[in-house]
Amino acid sequence: MTSIQKEISLNPRPRGFHLVTEEILDVIPEIKDIQIGILQVFIKHTSASLTINENADPTVRQDFESHFNEFVPENAPYYKHTYEGADDMPAHIKSSLLGSSVSIPITNGKLNVGTWQGIYLCEHRNYGGSRKLVVTAIGEQSQTQ
């Protein structure tokens, strides 16, 4: 059994849903040696989140952003937490709805995802800044290791 953990910092992105699968894989090439295991990705923020969804058609990510902005609007009259900006409280709610982590199976040294699946960074702030992720791979190495 092996375990690898790394913390990475993603460059700032505008508000929206962004594919980050390749950026994550670039920092943890050690998964190629894991025959069976799990990759867990955790975001260390309360106004951004992670999810897995469509990785081919960018309009899916645009529709996610549009829907979430309707579903969790800015400037709701019942918000009390407003001193960090109109986008802050909705960002916290969106982050809780989507979650702070994703887990993906590793099979034969690769992420075992569907053909059209990718990891999204869901940036819920207008100017969220750099985002930190903790990436952990745990699993059994091949017998030739």
C-alpha atoms as a PDB file:
ATOM      1  CA  MET A   1       0.000   0.000   0.000  1.00  0.00           C
ATOM      2  CA  THR A   2       1.256   3.465  -0.878  1.00  0.00           C
ATOM      3  CA  SER A   3       0.040   6.967  -0.203  1.00  0.00           C
ATOM      4  CA  ILE A   4       1.018  10.273  -1.756  1.00  0.00           C
ATOM      5  CA  GLN A   5      -0.231  13.684  -0.699  1.00  0.00           C
ATOM      6  CA  LYS A   6       0.503  17.041  -2.277  1.00  0.00           C
ATOM      7  CA  GLU A   7      -0.860  20.534  -1.860  1.00  0.00           C
ATOM      8  CA  ILE A   8      -1.189  22.595  -4.996  1.00  0.00           C
ATOM      9  CA  SER A   9      -2.165  26.154  -5.698  1.00  0.00           C
ATOM     10  CA  LEU A  10      -4.329  26.818  -8.741  1.00  0.00           C
ATOM     11  CA  ASN A  11      -4.003  30.120 -10.554  1.00  0.00           C
ATOM     12  CA  PRO A  12      -6.871  32.586 -10.024  1.00  0.00           C
ATOM     13  CA  ARG A  13      -9.806  32.106 -12.346  1.00  0.00           C
ATOM     14  CA  PRO A  14     -12.905  34.152 -13.050  1.00  0.00           C
ATOM     15  CA  ARG A  15     -16.208  33.146 -11.586  1.00  0.00           C
ATOM     16  CA  GLY A  16     -17.477  29.988 -13.266  1.00  0.00           C
ATOM     17  CA  PHE A  17     -16.840  26.278 -13.693  1.00  0.00           C
ATOM     18  CA  HIS A  18     -13.343  25.312 -14.859  1.00  0.00           C
ATOM     19  CA  LEU A  19     -11.835  21.971 -15.850  1.00  0.00           C
ATOM     20  CA  VAL A  20      -8.761  21.239 -13.709  1.00  0.00           C
ATOM     21  CA  THR A  21      -8.269  17.496 -14.256  1.00  0.00           C
ATOM     22  CA  GLU A  22      -4.992  17.838 -16.150  1.00  0.00           C
ATOM     23  CA  GLU A  23      -3.558  20.351 -13.660  1.00  0.00           C
ATOM     24  CA  ILE A  24      -4.214  17.868 -10.868  1.00  0.00           C
ATOM     25  CA  LEU A  25      -2.742  14.938 -12.788  1.00  0.00           C
ATOM     26  CA  ASP A  26       0.353  16.992 -13.633  1.00  0.00           C
ATOM     27  CA  VAL A  27       1.261  17.347  -9.944  1.00  0.00           C
ATOM     28  CA  ILE A  28       0.689  13.722  -8.995  1.00  0.00           C
ATOM     29  CA  PRO A  29       2.283  11.566 -11.709  1.00  0.00           C
ATOM     30  CA  GLU A  30       2.828   8.854  -9.081  1.00  0.00           C
ATOM     31  CA  ILE A  31      -0.680   7.528  -9.702  1.00  0.00           C
ATOM     32  CA  LYS A  32       0.700   5.753 -12.789  1.00  0.00           C
ATOM     33  CA  ASP A  33       2.241   3.242 -10.349  1.00  0.00           C
ATOM     34  CA  ILE A  34      -1.024   2.540  -8.496  1.00  0.00           C
ATOM     35  CA  GLN A  35      -2.898  -0.521  -9.750  1.00  0.00           C
ATOM     36  CA  ILE A  36      -5.993  -0.068  -7.593  1.00  0.00           C
ATOM     37  CA  GLY A  37      -6.746   2.874  -5.377  1.00  0.00           C
ATOM     38  CA  ILE A  38      -8.424   6.194  -4.894  1.00  0.00           C
ATOM     39  CA  LEU A  39      -7.586   9.821  -5.656  1.00  0.00           C
ATOM     40  CA  GLN A  40      -9.146  12.281  -3.257  1.00  0.00           C
ATOM     41  CA  VAL A  41      -9.091  16.008  -4.026  1.00  0.00           C
ATOM     42  CA  PHE A  42     -10.042  18.532  -1.325  1.00  0.00           C
ATOM     43  CA  ILE A  43     -10.357  22.311  -1.708  1.00  0.00           C
ATOM     44  CA  LYS A  44      -9.269  24.442   1.261  1.00  0.00           C
ATOM     45  CA  HIS A  45     -11.821  27.207   0.726  1.00  0.00           C
ATOM     46  CA  THR A  46     -15.437  27.989   1.641  1.00  0.00           C
ATOM     47  CA  SER A  47     -16.393  30.007  -1.431  1.00  0.00           C
ATOM     48  CA  ALA A  48     -15.271  27.578  -4.135  1.00  0.00           C
ATOM     49  CA  SER A  49     -16.032  23.903  -4.623  1.00  0.00           C
ATOM     50  CA  LEU A  50     -15.253  20.788  -6.635  1.00  0.00           C
ATOM     51  CA  THR A  51     -17.434  18.498  -8.697  1.00  0.00           C
ATOM     52  CA  ILE A  52     -17.177  16.005 -11.548  1.00  0.00           C
ATOM     53  CA  ASN A  53     -19.098  16.481 -14.760  1.00  0.00           C
ATOM     54  CA  GLU A  54     -18.967  16.905 -18.554  1.00  0.00           C
ATOM     55  CA  ASN A  55     -15.463  17.588 -19.863  1.00  0.00           C
ATOM     56  CA  ALA A  56     -16.112  17.954 -23.606  1.00  0.00           C
ATOM     57  CA  ASP A  57     -18.701  20.647 -24.276  1.00  0.00           C
ATOM     58  CA  PRO A  58     -17.879  24.005 -22.627  1.00  0.00           C
ATOM     59  CA  THR A  59     -21.518  25.112 -22.818  1.00  0.00           C
ATOM     60  CA  VAL A  60     -22.249  22.658 -19.999  1.00  0.00           C
ATOM     61  CA  ARG A  61     -20.004  24.708 -17.711  1.00  0.00           C
ATOM     62  CA  GLN A  62     -21.690  27.913 -18.881  1.00  0.00           C
ATOM     63  CA  ASP A  63     -25.113  26.417 -18.153  1.00  0.00           C
ATOM     64  CA  PHE A  64     -23.940  25.346 -14.682  1.00  0.00           C
ATOM     65  CA  GLU A  65     -22.922  28.933 -13.928  1.00  0.00           C
ATOM     66  CA  SER A  66     -26.206  30.341 -15.255  1.00  0.00           C
ATOM     67  CA  HIS A  67     -28.298  27.857 -13.307  1.00  0.00           C
ATOM     68  CA  PHE A  68     -26.441  28.292 -10.031  1.00  0.00           C
ATOM     69  CA  ASN A  69     -26.758  32.086 -10.319  1.00  0.00           C
ATOM     70  CA  GLU A  70     -30.538  31.702 -10.650  1.00  0.00           C
ATOM     71  CA  PHE A  71     -30.731  29.003  -7.977  1.00  0.00           C
ATOM     72  CA  VAL A  72     -28.637  30.959  -5.436  1.00  0.00           C
ATOM     73  CA  PRO A  73     -28.996  34.664  -6.279  1.00  0.00           C
ATOM     74  CA  GLU A  74     -26.934  37.579  -5.046  1.00  0.00           C
ATOM     75  CA  ASN A  75     -28.449  40.295  -2.851  1.00  0.00           C
ATOM     76  CA  ALA A  76     -31.199  38.133  -1.372  1.00  0.00           C
ATOM     77  CA  PRO A  77     -32.934  40.333   1.217  1.00  0.00           C
ATOM     78  CA  TYR A  78     -32.629  37.674   3.929  1.00  0.00           C
ATOM     79  CA  TYR A  79     -28.798  37.388   3.779  1.00  0.00           C
ATOM     80  CA  LYS A  80     -27.122  38.639   6.960  1.00  0.00           C
ATOM     81  CA  HIS A  81     -23.524  37.910   5.897  1.00  0.00           C
ATOM     82  CA  THR A  82     -23.066  40.740   3.396  1.00  0.00           C
ATOM     83  CA  TYR A  83     -19.938  42.667   4.407  1.00  0.00           C
ATOM     84  CA  GLU A  84     -17.615  40.704   2.065  1.00  0.00           C
ATOM     85  CA  GLY A  85     -19.596  41.568  -1.051  1.00  0.00           C
ATOM     86  CA  ALA A  86     -22.772  40.555  -2.835  1.00  0.00           C
ATOM     87  CA  ASP A  87     -21.136  37.419  -4.261  1.00  0.00           C
ATOM     88  CA  ASP A  88     -19.791  36.078  -0.940  1.00  0.00           C
ATOM     89  CA  MET A  89     -22.824  34.555   0.802  1.00  0.00           C
ATOM     90  CA  PRO A  90     -24.090  32.929  -2.415  1.00  0.00           C
ATOM     91  CA  ALA A  91     -20.563  31.535  -2.883  1.00  0.00           C
ATOM     92  CA  HIS A  92     -20.713  29.869   0.541  1.00  0.00           C
ATOM     93  CA  ILE A  93     -24.102  28.327  -0.242  1.00  0.00           C
ATOM     94  CA  LYS A  94     -22.985  27.090  -3.678  1.00  0.00           C
ATOM     95  CA  SER A  95     -19.840  25.613  -2.141  1.00  0.00           C
ATOM     96  CA  SER A  96     -21.900  23.691   0.423  1.00  0.00           C
ATOM     97  CA  LEU A  97     -24.289  22.412  -2.236  1.00  0.00           C
ATOM     98  CA  LEU A  98     -21.503  21.080  -4.470  1.00  0.00           C
ATOM     99  CA  GLY A  99     -18.992  20.082  -1.805  1.00  0.00           C
ATOM    100  CA  SER A 100     -15.349  20.502  -0.934  1.00  0.00           C
ATOM    101  CA  SER A 101     -13.999  17.199  -2.244  1.00  0.00           C
ATOM    102  CA  VAL A 102     -14.231  14.543  -4.921  1.00  0.00           C
ATOM    103  CA  SER A 103     -12.995  10.949  -4.883  1.00  0.00           C
ATOM    104  CA  ILE A 104     -12.075   9.100  -8.057  1.00  0.00           C
ATOM    105  CA  PRO A 105     -11.059   5.452  -8.417  1.00  0.00           C
ATOM    106  CA  ILE A 106      -7.576   4.705  -9.752  1.00  0.00           C
ATOM    107  CA  THR A 107      -7.346   1.583 -11.917  1.00  0.00           C
ATOM    108  CA  ASN A 108      -4.152   0.425 -13.617  1.00  0.00           C
ATOM    109  CA  GLY A 109      -2.416   3.769 -13.089  1.00  0.00           C
ATOM    110  CA  LYS A 110      -5.212   5.976 -14.453  1.00  0.00           C
ATOM    111  CA  LEU A 111      -8.268   7.744 -13.160  1.00  0.00           C
ATOM    112  CA  ASN A 112     -11.213   5.443 -13.738  1.00  0.00           C
ATOM    113  CA  VAL A 113     -13.696   8.052 -14.954  1.00  0.00           C
ATOM    114  CA  GLY A 114     -16.299   8.004 -17.671  1.00  0.00           C
ATOM    115  CA  THR A 115     -15.434   9.078 -21.197  1.00  0.00           C
ATOM    116  CA  TRP A 116     -16.832  12.577 -20.752  1.00  0.00           C
ATOM    117  CA  GLN A 117     -16.018  13.210 -17.078  1.00  0.00           C
ATOM    118  CA  GLY A 118     -13.623  15.794 -15.708  1.00  0.00           C
ATOM    119  CA  ILE A 119     -12.900  17.527 -12.402  1.00  0.00           C
ATOM    120  CA  TYR A 120     -14.295  21.049 -12.128  1.00  0.00           C
ATOM    121  CA  LEU A 121     -13.051  23.859  -9.954  1.00  0.00           C
ATOM    122  CA  CYS A 122     -16.245  25.752  -9.239  1.00  0.00           C
ATOM    123  CA  GLU A 123     -15.238  29.354  -8.595  1.00  0.00           C
ATOM    124  CA  HIS A 124     -18.169  31.103  -6.954  1.00  0.00           C
ATOM    125  CA  ARG A 125     -16.553  34.503  -6.293  1.00  0.00           C
ATOM    126  CA  ASN A 126     -16.045  37.261  -8.836  1.00  0.00           C
ATOM    127  CA  TYR A 127     -12.406  37.579  -7.728  1.00  0.00           C
ATOM    128  CA  GLY A 128     -11.672  34.446  -5.726  1.00  0.00           C
ATOM    129  CA  GLY A 129      -7.926  34.469  -6.105  1.00  0.00           C
ATOM    130  CA  SER A 130      -5.630  31.468  -6.018  1.00  0.00           C
ATOM    131  CA  ARG A 131      -7.216  28.230  -4.738  1.00  0.00           C
ATOM    132  CA  LYS A 132      -5.410  25.555  -2.734  1.00  0.00           C
ATOM    133  CA  LEU A 133      -6.118  21.858  -3.216  1.00  0.00           C
ATOM    134  CA  VAL A 134      -4.915  18.872  -1.214  1.00  0.00           C
ATOM    135  CA  VAL A 135      -4.511  15.900  -3.552  1.00  0.00           C
ATOM    136  CA  THR A 136      -4.166  12.451  -1.965  1.00  0.00           C
ATOM    137  CA  ALA A 137      -3.650   9.139  -3.776  1.00  0.00           C
ATOM    138  CA  ILE A 138      -3.875   5.898  -1.832  1.00  0.00           C
ATOM    139  CA  GLY A 139      -3.599   2.437  -3.285  1.00  0.00           C
ATOM    140  CA  GLU A 140      -1.742  -0.715  -4.098  1.00  0.00           C
ATOM    141  CA  GLN A 141       1.282  -0.473  -6.360  1.00  0.00           C
ATOM    142  CA  SER A 142       1.945  -2.911  -9.147  1.00  0.00           C
ATOM    143  CA  GLN A 143       3.976  -5.990  -8.192  1.00  0.00           C
ATOM    144  CA  THR A 144       6.962  -4.785 -10.253  1.00  0.00           C
ATOM    145  CA  GLN A 145       7.499  -1.795  -7.945  1.00  0.00           C
END
